Amino acid sequence: MALRVTDVMSTDLITVRPDTSVRELAETLLTHKISGVPVLDDQGLLVGVVSQSDLIAQNKKLHIPTAITIFDWVIYLEGNERLKDEMEKIAASDVGQIMTRKVITVTPEATIEDVATIMTEKKVHTIPVLKDERLVGVIGKLDIVRSILP
C-alpha cells in the first residue's frame, strides 16, 4: 500500500494573514526555523503562501549604494539614506503584497510519490494540504525524507 500525505504531513500549523507585516513574517520564519508559511484569510481559507524566497525577492529590489574598497577602507559613492528608506518601506509592507497567490496544493489522500514528483517538477519545498478547501496540514521535503527512514 502506498504511503499517503496524511501519514507524514505536519499538522502543527504556523500561518500568517495577508495583513501580517513583513517584519513579523521574518520573525516568524526565524523563530520557528521554517522557510515559508501558508497565508489564511479571515475565514481561514488559504489565499497564498509566503516564503524566504519572497522576502529575498523584495530585497533584490533594494538599491545598494555603490562602494569602493581601498585597502581596508570603504568609501561610499553615495549616501546610505536611500538604502535605509527602501529597507523601511519593505519592512512596513505586508504579506499580502509579496505572497504567492497561485498555490500548489495536495489532498491528504495523495501519495508521497505524487507529492515528490510535484515538488521536483514545480521546484517547491513545502505544499499545503487541503481537505474540503480547509488547510489541514503541510508536507515538506523533510517530511518525505523522514518517511523513507525506518
N, C-alpha and C. Protein backbone atom coordinates (compact mmCIF):
# COMPACT_ATOMS: atom_id res chain seq x y z
N MET A 1 0.84 -1.18 0.00
CA MET A 1 0.00 0.00 0.00
C MET A 1 0.88 1.25 0.00
N ALA A 2 0.55 2.20 -0.84
CA ALA A 2 1.35 3.42 -0.98
C ALA A 2 1.18 4.33 0.24
N LEU A 3 2.28 4.94 0.64
CA LEU A 3 2.24 5.90 1.73
C LEU A 3 1.52 7.16 1.26
N ARG A 4 0.65 7.70 2.10
CA ARG A 4 -0.17 8.86 1.75
C ARG A 4 0.31 10.10 2.51
N VAL A 5 -0.08 11.25 1.99
CA VAL A 5 0.26 12.53 2.61
C VAL A 5 -0.19 12.56 4.07
N THR A 6 -1.41 12.08 4.32
CA THR A 6 -1.95 12.10 5.68
C THR A 6 -1.07 11.35 6.68
N ASP A 7 -0.27 10.40 6.19
CA ASP A 7 0.61 9.61 7.06
C ASP A 7 1.85 10.37 7.53
N VAL A 8 2.25 11.39 6.78
CA VAL A 8 3.53 12.05 7.10
C VAL A 8 3.45 13.58 7.19
N MET A 9 2.31 14.17 6.86
CA MET A 9 2.22 15.64 6.85
C MET A 9 2.33 16.21 8.26
N SER A 10 2.74 17.47 8.33
CA SER A 10 2.79 18.19 9.59
C SER A 10 1.44 18.84 9.83
N THR A 11 0.90 18.67 11.02
CA THR A 11 -0.41 19.25 11.34
C THR A 11 -0.31 20.37 12.37
N ASP A 12 0.88 20.57 12.92
CA ASP A 12 1.11 21.68 13.85
C ASP A 12 1.40 22.91 12.99
N LEU A 13 0.34 23.62 12.61
CA LEU A 13 0.45 24.64 11.58
C LEU A 13 0.81 26.02 12.12
N ILE A 14 1.70 26.65 11.41
CA ILE A 14 2.04 28.05 11.64
C ILE A 14 1.57 28.78 10.40
N THR A 15 0.71 29.78 10.59
CA THR A 15 0.16 30.52 9.45
C THR A 15 0.26 32.01 9.72
N VAL A 16 0.08 32.78 8.66
CA VAL A 16 0.01 34.23 8.77
C VAL A 16 -1.21 34.70 7.98
N ARG A 17 -1.52 35.98 8.13
CA ARG A 17 -2.63 36.59 7.41
C ARG A 17 -2.07 37.57 6.38
N PRO A 18 -2.86 37.95 5.39
CA PRO A 18 -2.36 38.90 4.39
C PRO A 18 -1.92 40.24 4.99
N ASP A 19 -2.51 40.63 6.12
CA ASP A 19 -2.14 41.91 6.72
C ASP A 19 -0.99 41.80 7.73
N THR A 20 -0.39 40.62 7.86
CA THR A 20 0.80 40.45 8.70
C THR A 20 1.94 41.26 8.08
N SER A 21 2.68 41.98 8.92
CA SER A 21 3.79 42.79 8.39
C SER A 21 4.93 41.89 7.95
N VAL A 22 5.71 42.37 7.00
CA VAL A 22 6.88 41.63 6.53
C VAL A 22 7.87 41.43 7.67
N ARG A 23 7.98 42.41 8.53
CA ARG A 23 8.87 42.29 9.69
C ARG A 23 8.42 41.13 10.59
N GLU A 24 7.12 41.06 10.86
CA GLU A 24 6.59 39.98 11.69
C GLU A 24 6.75 38.62 11.00
N LEU A 25 6.56 38.59 9.69
CA LEU A 25 6.78 37.37 8.92
C LEU A 25 8.21 36.88 9.09
N ALA A 26 9.17 37.78 8.91
CA ALA A 26 10.59 37.40 9.04
C ALA A 26 10.87 36.84 10.43
N GLU A 27 10.31 37.47 11.46
CA GLU A 27 10.50 36.99 12.83
C GLU A 27 9.90 35.59 13.00
N THR A 28 8.73 35.36 12.41
CA THR A 28 8.07 34.05 12.49
C THR A 28 8.92 32.97 11.83
N LEU A 29 9.42 33.26 10.64
CA LEU A 29 10.25 32.29 9.93
C LEU A 29 11.51 31.96 10.72
N LEU A 30 12.14 32.98 11.29
CA LEU A 30 13.37 32.77 12.06
C LEU A 30 13.09 32.03 13.36
N THR A 31 12.05 32.45 14.08
CA THR A 31 11.73 31.83 15.36
C THR A 31 11.43 30.35 15.23
N HIS A 32 10.67 30.00 14.20
CA HIS A 32 10.25 28.61 14.03
C HIS A 32 11.18 27.81 13.12
N LYS A 33 12.21 28.48 12.60
CA LYS A 33 13.19 27.83 11.72
C LYS A 33 12.50 27.13 10.55
N ILE A 34 11.63 27.89 9.87
CA ILE A 34 10.89 27.37 8.72
C ILE A 34 11.16 28.27 7.52
N SER A 35 10.91 27.74 6.33
CA SER A 35 11.22 28.51 5.12
C SER A 35 10.01 29.22 4.53
N GLY A 36 8.81 28.87 4.99
CA GLY A 36 7.62 29.51 4.45
C GLY A 36 6.39 29.13 5.25
N VAL A 37 5.30 29.87 5.00
CA VAL A 37 4.05 29.61 5.72
C VAL A 37 2.85 29.84 4.81
N PRO A 38 1.76 29.11 5.08
CA PRO A 38 0.51 29.38 4.37
C PRO A 38 -0.08 30.71 4.85
N VAL A 39 -0.81 31.37 3.95
CA VAL A 39 -1.48 32.63 4.28
C VAL A 39 -2.98 32.36 4.26
N LEU A 40 -3.65 32.62 5.39
CA LEU A 40 -5.08 32.38 5.51
C LEU A 40 -5.84 33.69 5.64
N ASP A 41 -7.05 33.74 5.06
CA ASP A 41 -7.88 34.94 5.18
C ASP A 41 -8.69 34.88 6.48
N ASP A 42 -9.60 35.84 6.67
CA ASP A 42 -10.39 35.92 7.90
C ASP A 42 -11.28 34.70 8.12
N GLN A 43 -11.65 34.02 7.04
CA GLN A 43 -12.49 32.82 7.15
C GLN A 43 -11.66 31.55 7.30
N GLY A 44 -10.35 31.69 7.36
CA GLY A 44 -9.48 30.53 7.50
C GLY A 44 -9.20 29.81 6.20
N LEU A 45 -9.50 30.45 5.07
CA LEU A 45 -9.25 29.84 3.77
C LEU A 45 -7.87 30.22 3.26
N LEU A 46 -7.23 29.30 2.57
CA LEU A 46 -5.91 29.53 2.02
C LEU A 46 -5.98 30.53 0.86
N VAL A 47 -5.22 31.61 0.98
CA VAL A 47 -5.21 32.63 -0.09
C VAL A 47 -3.82 32.80 -0.70
N GLY A 48 -2.83 32.11 -0.13
CA GLY A 48 -1.48 32.21 -0.67
C GLY A 48 -0.47 31.51 0.22
N VAL A 49 0.77 31.58 -0.21
CA VAL A 49 1.89 31.12 0.60
C VAL A 49 2.96 32.20 0.50
N VAL A 50 3.77 32.29 1.54
CA VAL A 50 4.86 33.26 1.52
C VAL A 50 6.09 32.57 2.10
N SER A 51 7.24 32.84 1.48
CA SER A 51 8.45 32.12 1.85
C SER A 51 9.65 33.05 1.94
N GLN A 52 10.75 32.45 2.37
CA GLN A 52 12.02 33.19 2.39
C GLN A 52 12.33 33.72 1.00
N SER A 53 12.01 32.96 -0.03
CA SER A 53 12.27 33.40 -1.41
C SER A 53 11.52 34.68 -1.73
N ASP A 54 10.29 34.81 -1.22
CA ASP A 54 9.53 36.04 -1.44
C ASP A 54 10.20 37.22 -0.75
N LEU A 55 10.74 36.98 0.44
CA LEU A 55 11.47 38.05 1.15
C LEU A 55 12.74 38.43 0.39
N ILE A 56 13.44 37.43 -0.09
CA ILE A 56 14.68 37.69 -0.84
C ILE A 56 14.37 38.46 -2.11
N ALA A 57 13.27 38.11 -2.78
CA ALA A 57 12.88 38.83 -3.99
C ALA A 57 12.64 40.31 -3.69
N GLN A 58 12.08 40.61 -2.52
CA GLN A 58 11.88 42.01 -2.14
C GLN A 58 13.22 42.70 -1.93
N ASN A 59 14.16 41.99 -1.33
CA ASN A 59 15.47 42.59 -1.07
C ASN A 59 16.25 42.83 -2.36
N LYS A 60 15.97 42.04 -3.41
CA LYS A 60 16.64 42.27 -4.69
C LYS A 60 16.27 43.63 -5.27
N LYS A 61 15.15 44.17 -4.85
CA LYS A 61 14.71 45.46 -5.36
C LYS A 61 15.43 46.62 -4.69
N LEU A 62 16.17 46.32 -3.62
CA LEU A 62 16.89 47.37 -2.91
C LEU A 62 17.98 47.98 -3.78
N HIS A 63 18.15 49.27 -3.65
CA HIS A 63 19.25 49.96 -4.32
C HIS A 63 20.41 49.99 -3.33
N ILE A 64 21.41 49.20 -3.57
CA ILE A 64 22.57 49.15 -2.68
C ILE A 64 23.56 50.23 -3.13
N PRO A 65 23.99 51.09 -2.20
CA PRO A 65 24.92 52.15 -2.58
C PRO A 65 26.23 51.57 -3.13
N THR A 66 26.73 52.19 -4.15
CA THR A 66 28.00 51.77 -4.73
C THR A 66 29.13 52.13 -3.77
N ALA A 67 30.02 51.19 -3.58
CA ALA A 67 31.13 51.43 -2.65
C ALA A 67 32.42 50.94 -3.29
N ILE A 68 33.50 51.60 -2.94
CA ILE A 68 34.82 51.19 -3.39
C ILE A 68 35.62 50.85 -2.14
N THR A 69 36.28 49.70 -2.16
CA THR A 69 37.14 49.33 -1.04
C THR A 69 38.58 49.59 -1.45
N ILE A 70 39.24 50.45 -0.70
CA ILE A 70 40.65 50.75 -0.93
C ILE A 70 41.38 50.37 0.35
N PHE A 71 42.29 49.41 0.22
CA PHE A 71 42.94 48.82 1.37
C PHE A 71 41.83 48.31 2.30
N ASP A 72 41.74 48.74 3.52
CA ASP A 72 40.66 48.28 4.39
C ASP A 72 39.61 49.37 4.61
N TRP A 73 39.65 50.40 3.80
CA TRP A 73 38.68 51.48 3.93
C TRP A 73 37.56 51.27 2.93
N VAL A 74 36.37 51.63 3.31
CA VAL A 74 35.23 51.58 2.39
C VAL A 74 34.78 53.01 2.14
N ILE A 75 34.74 53.36 0.88
CA ILE A 75 34.30 54.71 0.51
C ILE A 75 32.96 54.57 -0.21
N TYR A 76 31.91 55.13 0.36
CA TYR A 76 30.59 55.09 -0.27
C TYR A 76 30.49 56.22 -1.27
N LEU A 77 30.07 55.88 -2.48
CA LEU A 77 29.98 56.87 -3.53
C LEU A 77 28.67 57.65 -3.47
N GLU A 78 27.76 57.21 -2.63
CA GLU A 78 26.54 57.97 -2.40
C GLU A 78 26.07 57.64 -0.99
N GLY A 79 25.19 58.45 -0.46
CA GLY A 79 24.72 58.26 0.90
C GLY A 79 23.90 56.99 1.06
N ASN A 80 23.85 56.48 2.28
CA ASN A 80 23.07 55.27 2.53
C ASN A 80 21.66 55.59 3.01
N GLU A 81 21.27 56.84 2.97
CA GLU A 81 19.92 57.25 3.40
C GLU A 81 18.85 56.60 2.52
N ARG A 82 19.12 56.54 1.20
CA ARG A 82 18.15 55.93 0.28
C ARG A 82 17.98 54.45 0.59
N LEU A 83 19.08 53.75 0.87
CA LEU A 83 19.01 52.34 1.23
C LEU A 83 18.17 52.15 2.49
N LYS A 84 18.41 52.98 3.48
CA LYS A 84 17.65 52.91 4.73
C LYS A 84 16.16 53.12 4.47
N ASP A 85 15.83 54.10 3.65
CA ASP A 85 14.42 54.38 3.32
C ASP A 85 13.77 53.18 2.63
N GLU A 86 14.48 52.57 1.68
CA GLU A 86 13.93 51.43 0.95
C GLU A 86 13.74 50.22 1.87
N MET A 87 14.69 49.99 2.78
CA MET A 87 14.57 48.88 3.72
C MET A 87 13.37 49.09 4.64
N GLU A 88 13.14 50.33 5.06
CA GLU A 88 12.00 50.62 5.93
C GLU A 88 10.69 50.41 5.18
N LYS A 89 10.66 50.75 3.89
CA LYS A 89 9.44 50.53 3.08
C LYS A 89 9.12 49.04 2.99
N ILE A 90 10.14 48.23 2.74
CA ILE A 90 9.93 46.78 2.64
C ILE A 90 9.45 46.23 3.97
N ALA A 91 10.08 46.63 5.07
CA ALA A 91 9.69 46.13 6.39
C ALA A 91 8.27 46.56 6.75
N ALA A 92 7.83 47.70 6.23
CA ALA A 92 6.49 48.21 6.53
C ALA A 92 5.42 47.58 5.64
N SER A 93 5.81 46.90 4.57
CA SER A 93 4.81 46.29 3.69
C SER A 93 4.24 45.05 4.38
N ASP A 94 3.19 44.48 3.79
CA ASP A 94 2.58 43.32 4.42
C ASP A 94 2.65 42.09 3.52
N VAL A 95 2.33 40.96 4.10
CA VAL A 95 2.42 39.67 3.43
C VAL A 95 1.59 39.64 2.15
N GLY A 96 0.41 40.27 2.18
CA GLY A 96 -0.46 40.28 1.01
C GLY A 96 0.20 40.87 -0.22
N GLN A 97 1.18 41.73 -0.01
CA GLN A 97 1.87 42.38 -1.13
C GLN A 97 2.96 41.50 -1.74
N ILE A 98 3.45 40.52 -0.99
CA ILE A 98 4.58 39.73 -1.50
C ILE A 98 4.29 38.24 -1.65
N MET A 99 3.14 37.79 -1.14
CA MET A 99 2.85 36.35 -1.16
C MET A 99 2.60 35.83 -2.58
N THR A 100 2.75 34.54 -2.74
CA THR A 100 2.42 33.85 -3.98
C THR A 100 0.95 33.45 -3.88
N ARG A 101 0.17 33.89 -4.86
CA ARG A 101 -1.28 33.63 -4.81
C ARG A 101 -1.68 32.33 -5.50
N LYS A 102 -0.93 31.93 -6.51
CA LYS A 102 -1.23 30.67 -7.20
C LYS A 102 -0.53 29.54 -6.45
N VAL A 103 -1.29 28.91 -5.57
CA VAL A 103 -0.72 27.93 -4.66
C VAL A 103 -0.95 26.51 -5.17
N ILE A 104 0.11 25.73 -5.14
CA ILE A 104 0.02 24.30 -5.45
C ILE A 104 -0.40 23.62 -4.15
N THR A 105 -1.46 22.82 -4.20
CA THR A 105 -1.93 22.11 -3.02
C THR A 105 -2.11 20.63 -3.34
N VAL A 106 -2.19 19.83 -2.28
CA VAL A 106 -2.50 18.41 -2.42
C VAL A 106 -3.56 18.05 -1.38
N THR A 107 -4.14 16.88 -1.54
CA THR A 107 -5.11 16.37 -0.56
C THR A 107 -4.41 15.38 0.36
N PRO A 108 -5.01 15.09 1.51
CA PRO A 108 -4.41 14.11 2.42
C PRO A 108 -4.28 12.72 1.79
N GLU A 109 -5.11 12.43 0.78
CA GLU A 109 -5.10 11.11 0.16
C GLU A 109 -4.02 10.96 -0.92
N ALA A 110 -3.38 12.05 -1.32
CA ALA A 110 -2.34 11.97 -2.36
C ALA A 110 -1.20 11.07 -1.88
N THR A 111 -0.55 10.43 -2.83
CA THR A 111 0.58 9.56 -2.47
C THR A 111 1.85 10.39 -2.31
N ILE A 112 2.75 9.88 -1.52
CA ILE A 112 4.05 10.53 -1.32
C ILE A 112 4.79 10.61 -2.65
N GLU A 113 4.66 9.59 -3.46
CA GLU A 113 5.30 9.58 -4.78
C GLU A 113 4.79 10.74 -5.64
N ASP A 114 3.48 10.97 -5.63
CA ASP A 114 2.90 12.09 -6.39
C ASP A 114 3.42 13.43 -5.88
N VAL A 115 3.49 13.57 -4.57
CA VAL A 115 3.96 14.82 -3.97
C VAL A 115 5.43 15.06 -4.33
N ALA A 116 6.24 14.02 -4.25
CA ALA A 116 7.66 14.15 -4.60
C ALA A 116 7.82 14.59 -6.05
N THR A 117 6.98 14.06 -6.93
CA THR A 117 7.02 14.45 -8.34
C THR A 117 6.65 15.92 -8.50
N ILE A 118 5.59 16.35 -7.82
CA ILE A 118 5.16 17.75 -7.89
C ILE A 118 6.27 18.67 -7.38
N MET A 119 6.87 18.32 -6.24
CA MET A 119 7.93 19.15 -5.67
C MET A 119 9.10 19.28 -6.63
N THR A 120 9.46 18.20 -7.27
CA THR A 120 10.58 18.22 -8.21
C THR A 120 10.25 19.03 -9.45
N GLU A 121 9.09 18.79 -10.03
CA GLU A 121 8.71 19.48 -11.27
C GLU A 121 8.44 20.97 -11.06
N LYS A 122 7.80 21.31 -9.94
CA LYS A 122 7.41 22.70 -9.68
C LYS A 122 8.45 23.46 -8.86
N LYS A 123 9.48 22.75 -8.42
CA LYS A 123 10.56 23.36 -7.62
C LYS A 123 10.03 24.05 -6.36
N VAL A 124 9.20 23.32 -5.62
CA VAL A 124 8.69 23.81 -4.34
C VAL A 124 9.17 22.88 -3.23
N HIS A 125 9.31 23.42 -2.03
CA HIS A 125 9.82 22.66 -0.90
C HIS A 125 8.72 22.20 0.05
N THR A 126 7.64 22.96 0.10
CA THR A 126 6.54 22.67 1.02
C THR A 126 5.23 22.90 0.28
N ILE A 127 4.26 22.01 0.52
CA ILE A 127 2.97 22.12 -0.15
C ILE A 127 1.86 22.07 0.90
N PRO A 128 0.93 23.03 0.86
CA PRO A 128 -0.22 22.98 1.76
C PRO A 128 -1.12 21.78 1.43
N VAL A 129 -1.71 21.21 2.47
CA VAL A 129 -2.62 20.07 2.31
C VAL A 129 -4.03 20.56 2.64
N LEU A 130 -4.94 20.44 1.66
CA LEU A 130 -6.32 20.90 1.84
C LEU A 130 -7.29 19.73 1.83
N LYS A 131 -8.28 19.83 2.71
CA LYS A 131 -9.40 18.89 2.71
C LYS A 131 -10.66 19.73 2.77
N ASP A 132 -11.52 19.59 1.78
CA ASP A 132 -12.74 20.40 1.69
C ASP A 132 -12.42 21.89 1.77
N GLU A 133 -11.40 22.30 1.04
CA GLU A 133 -10.95 23.69 0.94
C GLU A 133 -10.39 24.26 2.24
N ARG A 134 -10.16 23.42 3.23
CA ARG A 134 -9.59 23.86 4.51
C ARG A 134 -8.18 23.32 4.65
N LEU A 135 -7.29 24.16 5.18
CA LEU A 135 -5.91 23.75 5.43
C LEU A 135 -5.89 22.77 6.60
N VAL A 136 -5.37 21.57 6.35
CA VAL A 136 -5.29 20.56 7.41
C VAL A 136 -3.85 20.17 7.72
N GLY A 137 -2.92 20.65 6.91
CA GLY A 137 -1.53 20.32 7.14
C GLY A 137 -0.64 20.88 6.05
N VAL A 138 0.63 20.62 6.19
CA VAL A 138 1.61 20.94 5.14
C VAL A 138 2.53 19.74 5.02
N ILE A 139 3.04 19.54 3.83
CA ILE A 139 4.02 18.47 3.63
C ILE A 139 5.25 19.07 2.97
N GLY A 140 6.39 18.80 3.56
CA GLY A 140 7.65 19.33 3.05
C GLY A 140 8.60 18.21 2.66
N LYS A 141 9.68 18.61 2.05
CA LYS A 141 10.68 17.63 1.63
C LYS A 141 11.21 16.84 2.82
N LEU A 142 11.38 17.50 3.97
CA LEU A 142 11.88 16.78 5.15
C LEU A 142 10.88 15.73 5.62
N ASP A 143 9.58 16.02 5.49
CA ASP A 143 8.56 15.02 5.86
C ASP A 143 8.71 13.78 4.99
N ILE A 144 8.99 14.00 3.71
CA ILE A 144 9.16 12.87 2.79
C ILE A 144 10.42 12.09 3.13
N VAL A 145 11.50 12.80 3.42
CA VAL A 145 12.75 12.13 3.79
C VAL A 145 12.54 11.31 5.06
N ARG A 146 11.84 11.88 6.06
CA ARG A 146 11.56 11.14 7.30
C ARG A 146 10.76 9.87 7.03
N SER A 147 9.87 9.93 6.04
CA SER A 147 9.03 8.76 5.74
C SER A 147 9.84 7.61 5.14
N ILE A 148 10.99 7.92 4.59
CA ILE A 148 11.85 6.91 3.99
C ILE A 148 12.63 6.15 5.06
N LEU A 149 12.96 6.86 6.14
CA LEU A 149 13.76 6.26 7.21
C LEU A 149 12.93 5.25 8.00
N PRO A 150 13.57 4.18 8.47
CA PRO A 150 12.82 3.17 9.24
C PRO A 150 12.40 3.68 10.60
